[in-house]
């Protein structure tokens, strides 16, 4: 017996972090990355395409023959190996596969909380964390289960205006794209925290968190 549509918490966090990077919630300058578009030749058989500018931080867009590909259904990304893998090999052609991505040794949007020993120059930052998950059977004794996630995005910055603006931008971006994620069916803002001053972060960094609800994610045993 196996579970189809097995929910992957790491991929859920990664997808939201990549989404925030692609939405430029923090600028590429603030993140310390550069954006490039790399062209590849399709062979009709090759499905794996490796970015040469690394570390690969986020893939912004993928096109084949000028037609946009969709993350999840058309391609996936392995960031540890800087590899874009297509579900179907792109057709043979000269420079017909375009992958636009950010790369750099620095990054400010992560899927965990920042360390307390980071210096002031390491901010602003955004942390994406999975706060909780609740799973229940859809029908007693049935094969299907339904899981609800609470996912949080925390903005760290200098001053209340800056931090509020980051949270406002995050909330707005999610509202405009709440049904456009692959690893979760739906994402909607739920609650926000007050701005706090954290003494553990040298008393100069403020932070604020917004929580998102991802309900009705189905897993099936077969």
C-alpha atoms as a PDB file:
ATOM      1  CA  UNK A   1       0.000   0.000   0.000  1.00  0.00           C
ATOM      2  CA  UNK A   2       1.231   3.516  -0.817  1.00  0.00           C
ATOM      3  CA  UNK A   3       0.019   7.045  -0.261  1.00  0.00           C
ATOM      4  CA  UNK A   4      -0.686   9.037  -3.402  1.00  0.00           C
ATOM      5  CA  UNK A   5      -0.339  12.818  -3.371  1.00  0.00           C
ATOM      6  CA  UNK A   6       1.889  12.509  -0.291  1.00  0.00           C
ATOM      7  CA  UNK A   7       2.269  15.980   1.213  1.00  0.00           C
ATOM      8  CA  UNK A   8       5.869  17.164   1.523  1.00  0.00           C
ATOM      9  CA  UNK A   9       6.299  19.819   4.219  1.00  0.00           C
ATOM     10  CA  UNK A  10       9.786  20.757   3.005  1.00  0.00           C
ATOM     11  CA  UNK A  11       8.502  21.355  -0.527  1.00  0.00           C
ATOM     12  CA  UNK A  12       5.573  23.402   0.776  1.00  0.00           C
ATOM     13  CA  UNK A  13       7.915  25.771   2.614  1.00  0.00           C
ATOM     14  CA  UNK A  14      10.335  25.880  -0.315  1.00  0.00           C
ATOM     15  CA  UNK A  15       7.559  26.770  -2.757  1.00  0.00           C
ATOM     16  CA  UNK A  16       6.342  29.676  -0.617  1.00  0.00           C
ATOM     17  CA  UNK A  17       9.902  30.965  -0.092  1.00  0.00           C
ATOM     18  CA  UNK A  18      10.597  30.813  -3.844  1.00  0.00           C
ATOM     19  CA  UNK A  19       7.272  32.568  -4.477  1.00  0.00           C
ATOM     20  CA  UNK A  20       8.267  35.448  -2.161  1.00  0.00           C
ATOM     21  CA  UNK A  21      11.638  35.716  -3.898  1.00  0.00           C
ATOM     22  CA  UNK A  22       9.969  35.842  -7.312  1.00  0.00           C
ATOM     23  CA  UNK A  23       7.561  38.499  -6.028  1.00  0.00           C
ATOM     24  CA  UNK A  24      10.575  40.664  -5.071  1.00  0.00           C
ATOM     25  CA  UNK A  25       9.338  41.121  -1.506  1.00  0.00           C
ATOM     26  CA  UNK A  26      13.008  41.810  -0.831  1.00  0.00           C
ATOM     27  CA  UNK A  27      14.887  43.293  -3.776  1.00  0.00           C
ATOM     28  CA  UNK A  28      17.659  41.345  -5.473  1.00  0.00           C
ATOM     29  CA  UNK A  29      20.043  43.980  -4.089  1.00  0.00           C
ATOM     30  CA  UNK A  30      18.865  43.378  -0.515  1.00  0.00           C
ATOM     31  CA  UNK A  31      19.112  39.614  -1.050  1.00  0.00           C
ATOM     32  CA  UNK A  32      22.555  39.884  -2.648  1.00  0.00           C
ATOM     33  CA  UNK A  33      21.610  37.873  -5.743  1.00  0.00           C
ATOM     34  CA  UNK A  34      21.660  38.438  -9.505  1.00  0.00           C
ATOM     35  CA  UNK A  35      19.062  37.457 -12.105  1.00  0.00           C
ATOM     36  CA  UNK A  36      20.150  35.726 -15.300  1.00  0.00           C
ATOM     37  CA  UNK A  37      18.429  33.993 -18.205  1.00  0.00           C
ATOM     38  CA  UNK A  38      20.248  30.891 -19.416  1.00  0.00           C
ATOM     39  CA  UNK A  39      19.488  29.335 -22.794  1.00  0.00           C
ATOM     40  CA  UNK A  40      19.725  25.621 -23.522  1.00  0.00           C
ATOM     41  CA  UNK A  41      19.356  23.480 -26.616  1.00  0.00           C
ATOM     42  CA  UNK A  42      16.538  20.963 -26.412  1.00  0.00           C
ATOM     43  CA  UNK A  43      17.349  17.499 -27.749  1.00  0.00           C
ATOM     44  CA  UNK A  44      13.947  15.841 -27.666  1.00  0.00           C
ATOM     45  CA  UNK A  45      15.280  13.397 -25.062  1.00  0.00           C
ATOM     46  CA  UNK A  46      17.005  15.466 -22.363  1.00  0.00           C
ATOM     47  CA  UNK A  47      14.840  16.267 -19.340  1.00  0.00           C
ATOM     48  CA  UNK A  48      17.465  17.568 -16.867  1.00  0.00           C
ATOM     49  CA  UNK A  49      18.947  21.037 -17.371  1.00  0.00           C
ATOM     50  CA  UNK A  50      21.575  22.299 -14.924  1.00  0.00           C
ATOM     51  CA  UNK A  51      22.087  25.986 -14.129  1.00  0.00           C
ATOM     52  CA  UNK A  52      25.721  27.026 -14.405  1.00  0.00           C
ATOM     53  CA  UNK A  53      25.484  30.115 -12.175  1.00  0.00           C
ATOM     54  CA  UNK A  54      25.265  28.839  -8.615  1.00  0.00           C
ATOM     55  CA  UNK A  55      24.169  28.670  -5.861  1.00  0.00           C
ATOM     56  CA  UNK A  56      20.717  28.564  -7.478  1.00  0.00           C
ATOM     57  CA  UNK A  57      18.297  30.478  -5.244  1.00  0.00           C
ATOM     58  CA  UNK A  58      15.004  30.585  -7.157  1.00  0.00           C
ATOM     59  CA  UNK A  59      13.729  29.866 -10.638  1.00  0.00           C
ATOM     60  CA  UNK A  60      11.653  32.777 -11.906  1.00  0.00           C
ATOM     61  CA  UNK A  61      10.395  31.387 -15.203  1.00  0.00           C
ATOM     62  CA  UNK A  62      10.870  28.538 -17.652  1.00  0.00           C
ATOM     63  CA  UNK A  63       9.893  28.721 -21.314  1.00  0.00           C
ATOM     64  CA  UNK A  64      10.161  26.174 -24.112  1.00  0.00           C
ATOM     65  CA  UNK A  65       9.902  27.523 -27.637  1.00  0.00           C
ATOM     66  CA  UNK A  66       8.580  30.781 -26.199  1.00  0.00           C
ATOM     67  CA  UNK A  67       5.760  29.062 -24.294  1.00  0.00           C
ATOM     68  CA  UNK A  68       5.732  29.367 -20.504  1.00  0.00           C
ATOM     69  CA  UNK A  69       6.068  26.129 -18.523  1.00  0.00           C
ATOM     70  CA  UNK A  70       4.219  25.623 -15.232  1.00  0.00           C
ATOM     71  CA  UNK A  71       6.055  24.660 -12.051  1.00  0.00           C
ATOM     72  CA  UNK A  72       5.024  21.270 -10.714  1.00  0.00           C
ATOM     73  CA  UNK A  73       3.118  19.978 -13.704  1.00  0.00           C
ATOM     74  CA  UNK A  74       5.670  20.833 -16.434  1.00  0.00           C
ATOM     75  CA  UNK A  75       8.892  20.979 -14.439  1.00  0.00           C
ATOM     76  CA  UNK A  76      10.386  20.640 -10.964  1.00  0.00           C
ATOM     77  CA  UNK A  77      13.524  22.105  -9.395  1.00  0.00           C
ATOM     78  CA  UNK A  78      16.209  20.518  -7.243  1.00  0.00           C
ATOM     79  CA  UNK A  79      17.967  23.492  -5.669  1.00  0.00           C
ATOM     80  CA  UNK A  80      20.743  21.427  -4.102  1.00  0.00           C
ATOM     81  CA  UNK A  81      21.891  20.280  -7.553  1.00  0.00           C
ATOM     82  CA  UNK A  82      20.724  23.396  -9.482  1.00  0.00           C
ATOM     83  CA  UNK A  83      18.701  21.137 -11.777  1.00  0.00           C
ATOM     84  CA  UNK A  84      15.448  21.855 -13.598  1.00  0.00           C
ATOM     85  CA  UNK A  85      13.720  18.602 -14.588  1.00  0.00           C
ATOM     86  CA  UNK A  86      10.962  18.515 -17.189  1.00  0.00           C
ATOM     87  CA  UNK A  87       8.080  16.042 -17.088  1.00  0.00           C
ATOM     88  CA  UNK A  88       8.372  15.781 -20.890  1.00  0.00           C
ATOM     89  CA  UNK A  89      11.634  16.390 -22.722  1.00  0.00           C
ATOM     90  CA  UNK A  90      11.643  19.707 -24.625  1.00  0.00           C
ATOM     91  CA  UNK A  91      11.681  19.364 -28.399  1.00  0.00           C
ATOM     92  CA  UNK A  92      14.949  19.533 -30.287  1.00  0.00           C
ATOM     93  CA  UNK A  93      15.973  23.109 -31.046  1.00  0.00           C
ATOM     94  CA  UNK A  94      18.667  25.753 -30.794  1.00  0.00           C
ATOM     95  CA  UNK A  95      18.403  27.865 -27.613  1.00  0.00           C
ATOM     96  CA  UNK A  96      14.717  26.932 -27.342  1.00  0.00           C
ATOM     97  CA  UNK A  97      14.770  26.347 -23.559  1.00  0.00           C
ATOM     98  CA  UNK A  98      15.046  29.523 -21.469  1.00  0.00           C
ATOM     99  CA  UNK A  99      15.413  29.392 -17.681  1.00  0.00           C
ATOM    100  CA  UNK A 100      15.445  32.652 -15.740  1.00  0.00           C
ATOM    101  CA  UNK A 101      16.750  32.369 -12.200  1.00  0.00           C
ATOM    102  CA  UNK A 102      18.476  34.142  -9.324  1.00  0.00           C
ATOM    103  CA  UNK A 103      21.864  33.051  -8.043  1.00  0.00           C
ATOM    104  CA  UNK A 104      24.388  34.251  -5.492  1.00  0.00           C
ATOM    105  CA  UNK A 105      26.321  33.355  -2.379  1.00  0.00           C
ATOM    106  CA  UNK A 106      24.022  35.552  -0.293  1.00  0.00           C
ATOM    107  CA  UNK A 107      20.316  35.096   0.492  1.00  0.00           C
ATOM    108  CA  UNK A 108      17.810  36.779   2.833  1.00  0.00           C
ATOM    109  CA  UNK A 109      14.666  34.653   2.400  1.00  0.00           C
ATOM    110  CA  UNK A 110      14.886  31.275   4.091  1.00  0.00           C
ATOM    111  CA  UNK A 111      12.725  28.360   5.244  1.00  0.00           C
ATOM    112  CA  UNK A 112      13.850  28.699   8.861  1.00  0.00           C
ATOM    113  CA  UNK A 113      14.316  31.355  11.518  1.00  0.00           C
ATOM    114  CA  UNK A 114      17.510  33.441  11.518  1.00  0.00           C
ATOM    115  CA  UNK A 115      20.217  32.631  14.020  1.00  0.00           C
ATOM    116  CA  UNK A 116      20.525  34.930  17.004  1.00  0.00           C
ATOM    117  CA  UNK A 117      24.205  35.542  16.326  1.00  0.00           C
ATOM    118  CA  UNK A 118      23.602  37.237  12.947  1.00  0.00           C
ATOM    119  CA  UNK A 119      24.908  40.778  12.685  1.00  0.00           C
ATOM    120  CA  UNK A 120      22.771  43.791  11.792  1.00  0.00           C
ATOM    121  CA  UNK A 121      24.135  43.726   8.239  1.00  0.00           C
ATOM    122  CA  UNK A 122      22.401  40.377   7.700  1.00  0.00           C
ATOM    123  CA  UNK A 123      19.004  42.124   7.707  1.00  0.00           C
ATOM    124  CA  UNK A 124      16.351  42.638   6.380  1.00  0.00           C
ATOM    125  CA  UNK A 125      15.288  39.004   6.181  1.00  0.00           C
ATOM    126  CA  UNK A 126      12.172  36.902   5.727  1.00  0.00           C
ATOM    127  CA  UNK A 127      11.617  33.488   7.304  1.00  0.00           C
ATOM    128  CA  UNK A 128       9.048  30.954   6.087  1.00  0.00           C
ATOM    129  CA  UNK A 129       8.083  28.293   8.622  1.00  0.00           C
ATOM    130  CA  UNK A 130       5.418  25.621   8.893  1.00  0.00           C
ATOM    131  CA  UNK A 131       3.809  26.365  12.245  1.00  0.00           C
ATOM    132  CA  UNK A 132       1.425  23.420  12.541  1.00  0.00           C
ATOM    133  CA  UNK A 133      -0.439  20.692  10.698  1.00  0.00           C
ATOM    134  CA  UNK A 134      -3.619  18.828  11.549  1.00  0.00           C
ATOM    135  CA  UNK A 135      -4.683  15.636   9.789  1.00  0.00           C
ATOM    136  CA  UNK A 136      -8.047  13.893  10.026  1.00  0.00           C
ATOM    137  CA  UNK A 137      -9.925  11.176   8.177  1.00  0.00           C
ATOM    138  CA  UNK A 138     -12.465  12.392   5.666  1.00  0.00           C
ATOM    139  CA  UNK A 139     -14.689   9.385   6.365  1.00  0.00           C
ATOM    140  CA  UNK A 140     -14.324   6.953   9.258  1.00  0.00           C
ATOM    141  CA  UNK A 141     -12.312   3.950   8.091  1.00  0.00           C
ATOM    142  CA  UNK A 142     -11.838   5.449   4.644  1.00  0.00           C
ATOM    143  CA  UNK A 143      -8.624   5.738   2.643  1.00  0.00           C
ATOM    144  CA  UNK A 144      -8.607   9.516   2.336  1.00  0.00           C
ATOM    145  CA  UNK A 145      -7.218  11.947   4.883  1.00  0.00           C
ATOM    146  CA  UNK A 146      -7.310  15.731   4.890  1.00  0.00           C
ATOM    147  CA  UNK A 147      -4.544  17.924   6.284  1.00  0.00           C
ATOM    148  CA  UNK A 148      -4.616  21.597   7.176  1.00  0.00           C
ATOM    149  CA  UNK A 149      -1.361  23.533   7.485  1.00  0.00           C
ATOM    150  CA  UNK A 150      -0.603  26.827   9.164  1.00  0.00           C
ATOM    151  CA  UNK A 151       2.348  28.469   7.424  1.00  0.00           C
ATOM    152  CA  UNK A 152       4.016  31.607   8.763  1.00  0.00           C
ATOM    153  CA  UNK A 153       6.082  34.317   7.135  1.00  0.00           C
ATOM    154  CA  UNK A 154       8.109  36.540   9.476  1.00  0.00           C
ATOM    155  CA  UNK A 155       9.635  39.791   8.281  1.00  0.00           C
ATOM    156  CA  UNK A 156      12.691  41.206  10.070  1.00  0.00           C
ATOM    157  CA  UNK A 157      13.763  44.765   9.410  1.00  0.00           C
ATOM    158  CA  UNK A 158      14.635  48.244  10.587  1.00  0.00           C
ATOM    159  CA  UNK A 159      11.710  50.309  11.858  1.00  0.00           C
ATOM    160  CA  UNK A 160       7.969  49.720  11.982  1.00  0.00           C
ATOM    161  CA  UNK A 161       7.275  51.187   8.534  1.00  0.00           C
ATOM    162  CA  UNK A 162       9.738  48.870   6.797  1.00  0.00           C
ATOM    163  CA  UNK A 163       8.482  45.762   8.592  1.00  0.00           C
ATOM    164  CA  UNK A 164       4.826  46.671   8.033  1.00  0.00           C
ATOM    165  CA  UNK A 165       5.504  47.226   4.338  1.00  0.00           C
ATOM    166  CA  UNK A 166       7.095  43.782   3.996  1.00  0.00           C
ATOM    167  CA  UNK A 167       4.117  42.099   5.651  1.00  0.00           C
ATOM    168  CA  UNK A 168       1.677  44.123   3.538  1.00  0.00           C
ATOM    169  CA  UNK A 169       3.511  43.082   0.367  1.00  0.00           C
ATOM    170  CA  UNK A 170       3.569  39.411   1.416  1.00  0.00           C
ATOM    171  CA  UNK A 171      -0.154  39.431   2.227  1.00  0.00           C
ATOM    172  CA  UNK A 172      -1.065  41.160  -1.040  1.00  0.00           C
ATOM    173  CA  UNK A 173       1.036  38.771  -3.134  1.00  0.00           C
ATOM    174  CA  UNK A 174      -0.551  35.696  -1.536  1.00  0.00           C
ATOM    175  CA  UNK A 175      -4.084  37.085  -1.933  1.00  0.00           C
ATOM    176  CA  UNK A 176      -3.469  37.580  -5.661  1.00  0.00           C
ATOM    177  CA  UNK A 177      -2.057  34.056  -6.075  1.00  0.00           C
ATOM    178  CA  UNK A 178      -3.758  32.047  -3.340  1.00  0.00           C
ATOM    179  CA  UNK A 179      -4.928  29.247  -5.646  1.00  0.00           C
ATOM    180  CA  UNK A 180      -1.791  29.160  -7.830  1.00  0.00           C
ATOM    181  CA  UNK A 181       0.449  26.948  -5.698  1.00  0.00           C
ATOM    182  CA  UNK A 182       1.387  23.379  -6.583  1.00  0.00           C
ATOM    183  CA  UNK A 183       2.166  21.625  -3.285  1.00  0.00           C
ATOM    184  CA  UNK A 184      -0.895  23.021  -1.525  1.00  0.00           C
ATOM    185  CA  UNK A 185      -4.378  23.514  -2.927  1.00  0.00           C
ATOM    186  CA  UNK A 186      -5.141  26.893  -1.424  1.00  0.00           C
ATOM    187  CA  UNK A 187      -3.454  29.494   0.778  1.00  0.00           C
ATOM    188  CA  UNK A 188      -5.152  32.393   2.519  1.00  0.00           C
ATOM    189  CA  UNK A 189      -4.111  34.952   5.189  1.00  0.00           C
ATOM    190  CA  UNK A 190      -5.359  34.059   8.644  1.00  0.00           C
ATOM    191  CA  UNK A 191      -3.801  36.204  11.394  1.00  0.00           C
ATOM    192  CA  UNK A 192      -0.942  38.546  12.086  1.00  0.00           C
ATOM    193  CA  UNK A 193       1.209  39.334  15.091  1.00  0.00           C
ATOM    194  CA  UNK A 194       2.135  42.744  16.492  1.00  0.00           C
ATOM    195  CA  UNK A 195       5.539  44.195  15.712  1.00  0.00           C
ATOM    196  CA  UNK A 196       8.008  43.286  18.418  1.00  0.00           C
ATOM    197  CA  UNK A 197      11.552  44.295  19.233  1.00  0.00           C
ATOM    198  CA  UNK A 198      13.647  41.205  19.857  1.00  0.00           C
ATOM    199  CA  UNK A 199      16.553  41.787  22.292  1.00  0.00           C
ATOM    200  CA  UNK A 200      18.201  38.638  20.969  1.00  0.00           C
ATOM    201  CA  UNK A 201      18.705  40.404  17.665  1.00  0.00           C
ATOM    202  CA  UNK A 202      20.801  43.301  18.961  1.00  0.00           C
ATOM    203  CA  UNK A 203      17.784  45.462  19.862  1.00  0.00           C
ATOM    204  CA  UNK A 204      17.813  47.111  16.440  1.00  0.00           C
ATOM    205  CA  UNK A 205      15.745  44.592  14.502  1.00  0.00           C
ATOM    206  CA  UNK A 206      11.953  44.537  14.576  1.00  0.00           C
ATOM    207  CA  UNK A 207       9.865  41.593  13.468  1.00  0.00           C
ATOM    208  CA  UNK A 208       6.295  40.802  12.543  1.00  0.00           C
ATOM    209  CA  UNK A 209       4.612  37.543  11.506  1.00  0.00           C
ATOM    210  CA  UNK A 210       1.655  36.766   9.284  1.00  0.00           C
ATOM    211  CA  UNK A 211       0.046  33.319   9.350  1.00  0.00           C
ATOM    212  CA  UNK A 212      -1.514  31.617   6.330  1.00  0.00           C
ATOM    213  CA  UNK A 213      -4.014  28.779   6.353  1.00  0.00           C
ATOM    214  CA  UNK A 214      -3.730  25.966   3.802  1.00  0.00           C
ATOM    215  CA  UNK A 215      -6.836  23.771   4.271  1.00  0.00           C
ATOM    216  CA  UNK A 216      -8.254  20.687   2.552  1.00  0.00           C
ATOM    217  CA  UNK A 217      -5.069  18.997   1.316  1.00  0.00           C
ATOM    218  CA  UNK A 218      -5.950  15.410   0.451  1.00  0.00           C
ATOM    219  CA  UNK A 219      -3.833  12.261   0.785  1.00  0.00           C
ATOM    220  CA  UNK A 220      -5.093   8.866  -0.375  1.00  0.00           C
ATOM    221  CA  UNK A 221      -3.871   5.371   0.561  1.00  0.00           C
ATOM    222  CA  UNK A 222      -4.065   2.941  -2.302  1.00  0.00           C
END
